[in-house]
C-alpha cells in the first residue's frame, strides 16, 4: 500500500472544518515518515530479501514504534494534538488523527505478517502483496475513487487543473513503486527516497487543495 494511504486524507478533506489537504497527506503517511526517520539511526530496521513477497522485496522485520497498533495510535494522538494547537479546530484534529491511524489498518490488508499490536508477536498481515492482481486494482480503486469523491465535494474558483496535476503525480509515483527497479540491498538511500517522495506529495497536495473549499451540503 502506497498511494492508497492518501484515500482517507482525500475523504477527510471534504469536511467543512477539516485540516488542509497537505496536512492530511502528511497524516496519511505519518507512520511511514516515522519509519523512514527511525531507519536512519537504526532504531527500526528492514532488509532486502528478494522474493519475500510477489510485489516487493522488503523484509520489514523490526518496526515496533511505528507499525504496531499501539505505536500508530500514539502517532495519531500526537499528530491530532499538533493539528489542534495549529488550528484550534477539534474536527480538524480528530480527522487528522483518524487518517494517521488508518495507515495501520490499510497496511494490515497488504503486508505479510510483520505488523504487531503492541510491538511484540503475534505478527499480523493478510499478505495481499503476494496477490498483485488483487492488490493493484484495490489500490487504484481506493485512491482514485477517493480523489473523485474529493473533486465532487469541493470546488475551486479557478477550476481543477491543480487536482489533475496531483492525480498525475500520484499515478506516476505508484507506477515507479510498482514497476521501477528495486534496490538490491538496504542502504540509507531507501529511507531518504521515502522522505523525499512524501515531502513532494504533501507539497503538491497542499498546492492542489489551497484553492479548493468543501461544498456545504454536498
Protein backbone atom coordinates (compact mmCIF):
# COMPACT_ATOMS: atom_id res chain seq x y z
CA UNK A 1 0.00 0.00 0.00
CA UNK A 2 1.48 3.35 -1.08
CA UNK A 3 -0.82 5.92 -2.63
CA UNK A 4 -3.82 4.08 -1.16
CA UNK A 5 -2.87 5.65 2.18
CA UNK A 6 -3.92 9.01 0.76
CA UNK A 7 -7.53 7.87 0.25
CA UNK A 8 -8.58 8.61 3.86
CA UNK A 9 -6.85 12.00 3.58
CA UNK A 10 -8.86 12.92 0.49
CA UNK A 11 -12.12 11.86 2.11
CA UNK A 12 -11.38 13.68 5.37
CA UNK A 13 -10.50 16.85 3.45
CA UNK A 14 -14.08 17.21 2.22
CA UNK A 15 -15.31 18.06 5.73
CA UNK A 16 -16.02 21.79 6.25
CA UNK A 17 -13.67 22.19 9.23
CA UNK A 18 -11.04 19.68 8.16
CA UNK A 19 -7.32 20.27 8.17
CA UNK A 20 -5.79 21.22 4.83
CA UNK A 21 -5.14 18.60 2.18
CA UNK A 22 -1.37 18.91 2.55
CA UNK A 23 -1.61 18.33 6.30
CA UNK A 24 -3.85 15.32 5.74
CA UNK A 25 -1.41 13.88 3.17
CA UNK A 26 1.25 14.05 5.87
CA UNK A 27 -1.19 12.32 8.23
CA UNK A 28 -1.84 9.55 5.73
CA UNK A 29 1.85 8.65 5.56
CA UNK A 30 2.99 9.78 9.02
CA UNK A 31 3.57 6.20 10.16
CA UNK A 32 5.90 5.60 7.19
CA UNK A 33 7.53 9.00 7.65
CA UNK A 34 8.29 7.95 11.21
CA UNK A 35 9.53 4.57 9.99
CA UNK A 36 11.87 6.12 7.42
CA UNK A 37 13.18 8.56 10.03
CA UNK A 38 13.81 5.77 12.56
CA UNK A 39 15.53 3.62 9.93
CA UNK A 40 18.33 6.17 9.55
CA UNK A 41 19.73 5.79 13.12
CA UNK A 42 18.78 2.10 13.22
CA UNK A 43 16.01 2.37 15.81
CA UNK A 44 13.79 0.38 13.45
CA UNK A 45 15.12 -1.92 10.76
CA UNK A 46 14.40 -3.59 7.44
CA UNK A 47 16.36 -5.65 4.93
CA UNK A 48 16.05 -6.59 1.29
CA UNK A 49 15.08 -10.22 0.70
CA UNK A 50 14.28 -10.84 -2.99
CA UNK A 51 11.12 -12.90 -3.35
CA UNK A 52 9.83 -12.34 0.17
CA UNK A 53 6.62 -11.10 -1.47
CA UNK A 54 5.48 -11.04 -5.08
CA UNK A 55 5.35 -7.24 -5.18
CA UNK A 56 8.35 -6.00 -3.22
CA UNK A 57 11.48 -7.38 -1.58
CA UNK A 58 11.24 -5.57 1.76
CA UNK A 59 11.57 -7.64 4.92
CA UNK A 60 10.12 -5.24 7.49
CA UNK A 61 11.27 -7.26 10.45
CA UNK A 62 11.62 -4.62 13.20
CA UNK A 63 9.25 -1.66 13.37
CA UNK A 64 7.59 -1.75 16.83
CA UNK A 65 7.34 2.03 17.26
CA UNK A 66 5.56 2.81 14.01
CA UNK A 67 3.82 -0.30 12.71
CA UNK A 68 2.32 -1.64 15.90
CA UNK A 69 -1.29 -0.69 16.50
CA UNK A 70 -0.28 0.94 19.77
CA UNK A 71 2.53 2.85 18.07
CA UNK A 72 0.25 4.05 15.28
CA UNK A 73 -2.32 5.17 17.87
CA UNK A 74 0.33 7.20 19.68
CA UNK A 75 1.49 8.82 16.43
CA UNK A 76 -2.18 9.59 15.68
CA UNK A 77 -2.75 11.17 19.09
CA UNK A 78 0.40 13.28 18.83
CA UNK A 79 -0.44 14.49 15.33
CA UNK A 80 -4.04 15.23 16.34
CA UNK A 81 -2.77 17.38 19.21
CA UNK A 82 -0.39 19.17 16.85
CA UNK A 83 -3.23 19.93 14.43
CA UNK A 84 -5.42 21.12 17.31
CA UNK A 85 -2.71 23.50 18.53
CA UNK A 86 -2.27 24.79 14.98
CA UNK A 87 -5.95 25.22 14.08
CA UNK A 88 -7.91 25.21 17.37
CA UNK A 89 -10.47 23.10 15.49
CA UNK A 90 -11.48 19.89 17.21
CA UNK A 91 -12.92 18.46 13.99
CA UNK A 92 -9.64 19.05 12.16
CA UNK A 93 -7.63 17.39 14.94
CA UNK A 94 -9.88 14.34 15.19
CA UNK A 95 -10.00 13.90 11.43
CA UNK A 96 -6.22 14.12 11.12
CA UNK A 97 -5.74 11.58 13.93
CA UNK A 98 -8.14 9.14 12.26
CA UNK A 99 -6.24 9.47 8.98
CA UNK A 100 -2.96 8.66 10.77
CA UNK A 101 -4.47 5.59 12.44
CA UNK A 102 -5.99 4.38 9.15
CA UNK A 103 -2.46 3.67 7.93
CA UNK A 104 -2.10 0.60 10.16
CA UNK A 105 -5.40 -0.92 9.06
CA UNK A 106 -4.66 -0.40 5.36
CA UNK A 107 -1.22 -1.94 5.86
CA UNK A 108 -2.85 -4.92 7.57
CA UNK A 109 -4.54 -5.79 4.28
CA UNK A 110 -1.38 -5.90 2.16
CA UNK A 111 1.55 -6.70 4.45
CA UNK A 112 2.73 -10.21 5.11
CA UNK A 113 2.78 -10.85 8.88
CA UNK A 114 5.11 -8.11 10.11
CA UNK A 115 2.67 -5.81 11.92
CA UNK A 116 2.04 -6.11 15.64
CA UNK A 117 -0.49 -4.92 18.18
CA UNK A 118 1.98 -3.76 20.84
CA UNK A 119 5.43 -4.17 19.29
CA UNK A 120 5.79 -7.89 20.04
CA UNK A 121 4.38 -11.10 18.50
CA UNK A 122 1.97 -12.20 17.26
CA UNK A 123 2.75 -10.63 13.90
CA UNK A 124 -0.17 -9.83 11.62
CA UNK A 125 -0.82 -9.21 7.93
CA UNK A 126 -3.22 -10.60 5.33
CA UNK A 127 -0.50 -10.71 2.64
CA UNK A 128 -2.15 -9.09 -0.36
CA UNK A 129 1.34 -8.13 -1.58
CA UNK A 130 1.54 -11.75 -2.73
CA UNK A 131 -1.50 -11.23 -4.96
CA UNK A 132 -0.77 -8.30 -7.29
CA UNK A 133 -3.85 -8.91 -9.45
CA UNK A 134 -5.92 -8.12 -6.37
CA UNK A 135 -3.71 -5.54 -4.67
CA UNK A 136 -3.11 -3.29 -7.67
CA UNK A 137 -6.78 -2.76 -8.63
CA UNK A 138 -7.64 -2.27 -4.96
CA UNK A 139 -5.06 0.48 -4.56
CA UNK A 140 -6.17 2.22 -7.76
CA UNK A 141 -9.82 2.00 -6.75
CA UNK A 142 -9.17 3.33 -3.24
CA UNK A 143 -7.02 6.24 -4.34
CA UNK A 144 -8.78 7.47 -7.42
CA UNK A 145 -12.24 6.73 -6.02
CA UNK A 146 -11.35 8.96 -3.08
CA UNK A 147 -9.89 11.58 -5.45
CA UNK A 148 -13.13 11.63 -7.44
CA UNK A 149 -15.11 11.94 -4.19
CA UNK A 150 -12.91 14.88 -3.18
CA UNK A 151 -13.30 16.54 -6.58
CA UNK A 152 -17.09 16.29 -6.43
CA UNK A 153 -17.41 17.57 -2.87
CA UNK A 154 -15.05 20.50 -3.15
CA UNK A 155 -14.90 23.42 -5.54
CA UNK A 156 -12.19 25.76 -6.82
CA UNK A 157 -12.75 29.17 -8.41
CA UNK A 158 -10.00 28.54 -10.95
CA UNK A 159 -11.00 25.01 -11.94
CA UNK A 160 -9.45 21.63 -11.31
CA UNK A 161 -6.11 21.80 -13.12
CA UNK A 162 -4.22 21.55 -9.83
CA UNK A 163 -6.15 18.44 -8.92
CA UNK A 164 -5.25 16.88 -12.28
CA UNK A 165 -1.59 17.59 -11.55
CA UNK A 166 -1.94 15.83 -8.20
CA UNK A 167 -3.69 12.89 -9.85
CA UNK A 168 -0.92 12.60 -12.43
CA UNK A 169 1.77 12.70 -9.75
CA UNK A 170 0.02 10.00 -7.72
CA UNK A 171 -0.20 7.77 -10.79
CA UNK A 172 3.48 8.40 -11.61
CA UNK A 173 4.87 7.62 -8.17
CA UNK A 174 2.74 4.49 -7.88
CA UNK A 175 3.94 3.27 -11.28
CA UNK A 176 7.55 3.83 -10.18
CA UNK A 177 6.88 1.95 -6.95
CA UNK A 178 5.34 -0.99 -8.80
CA UNK A 179 7.48 -1.20 -11.92
CA UNK A 180 10.69 0.67 -11.15
CA UNK A 181 13.98 -1.02 -10.32
CA UNK A 182 14.47 -2.17 -6.72
CA UNK A 183 17.49 -1.62 -4.53
CA UNK A 184 19.47 -4.89 -4.28
CA UNK A 185 20.45 -4.26 -0.65
CA UNK A 186 19.31 -1.92 2.07
CA UNK A 187 21.04 1.44 2.17
CA UNK A 188 20.24 4.87 3.57
CA UNK A 189 19.04 5.88 0.12
CA UNK A 190 15.82 3.92 0.77
CA UNK A 191 14.56 6.00 3.72
CA UNK A 192 15.94 9.15 2.10
CA UNK A 193 13.94 8.46 -1.06
CA UNK A 194 10.83 7.71 1.01
CA UNK A 195 11.09 11.00 2.89
CA UNK A 196 11.69 12.97 -0.29
CA UNK A 197 8.69 11.37 -2.01
CA UNK A 198 6.39 12.08 0.93
CA UNK A 199 7.57 15.70 1.06
CA UNK A 200 6.90 16.25 -2.65
CA UNK A 201 3.46 14.60 -2.46
CA UNK A 202 2.45 16.62 0.59
CA UNK A 203 3.66 19.82 -1.05
CA UNK A 204 1.70 19.20 -4.24
CA UNK A 205 -1.36 18.20 -2.18
CA UNK A 206 -1.09 21.46 -0.25
CA UNK A 207 -0.91 23.36 -3.56
CA UNK A 208 -3.81 21.41 -5.07
CA UNK A 209 -6.02 21.88 -2.02
CA UNK A 210 -5.18 25.53 -1.38
CA UNK A 211 -7.74 26.82 -3.88
CA UNK A 212 -10.47 24.28 -3.09
CA UNK A 213 -13.21 24.55 -0.49
CA UNK A 214 -15.81 21.97 0.61
CA UNK A 215 -19.23 22.36 -0.92
CA UNK A 216 -21.55 22.87 2.03
CA UNK A 217 -24.39 20.37 1.99
CA UNK A 218 -22.81 18.18 -0.71
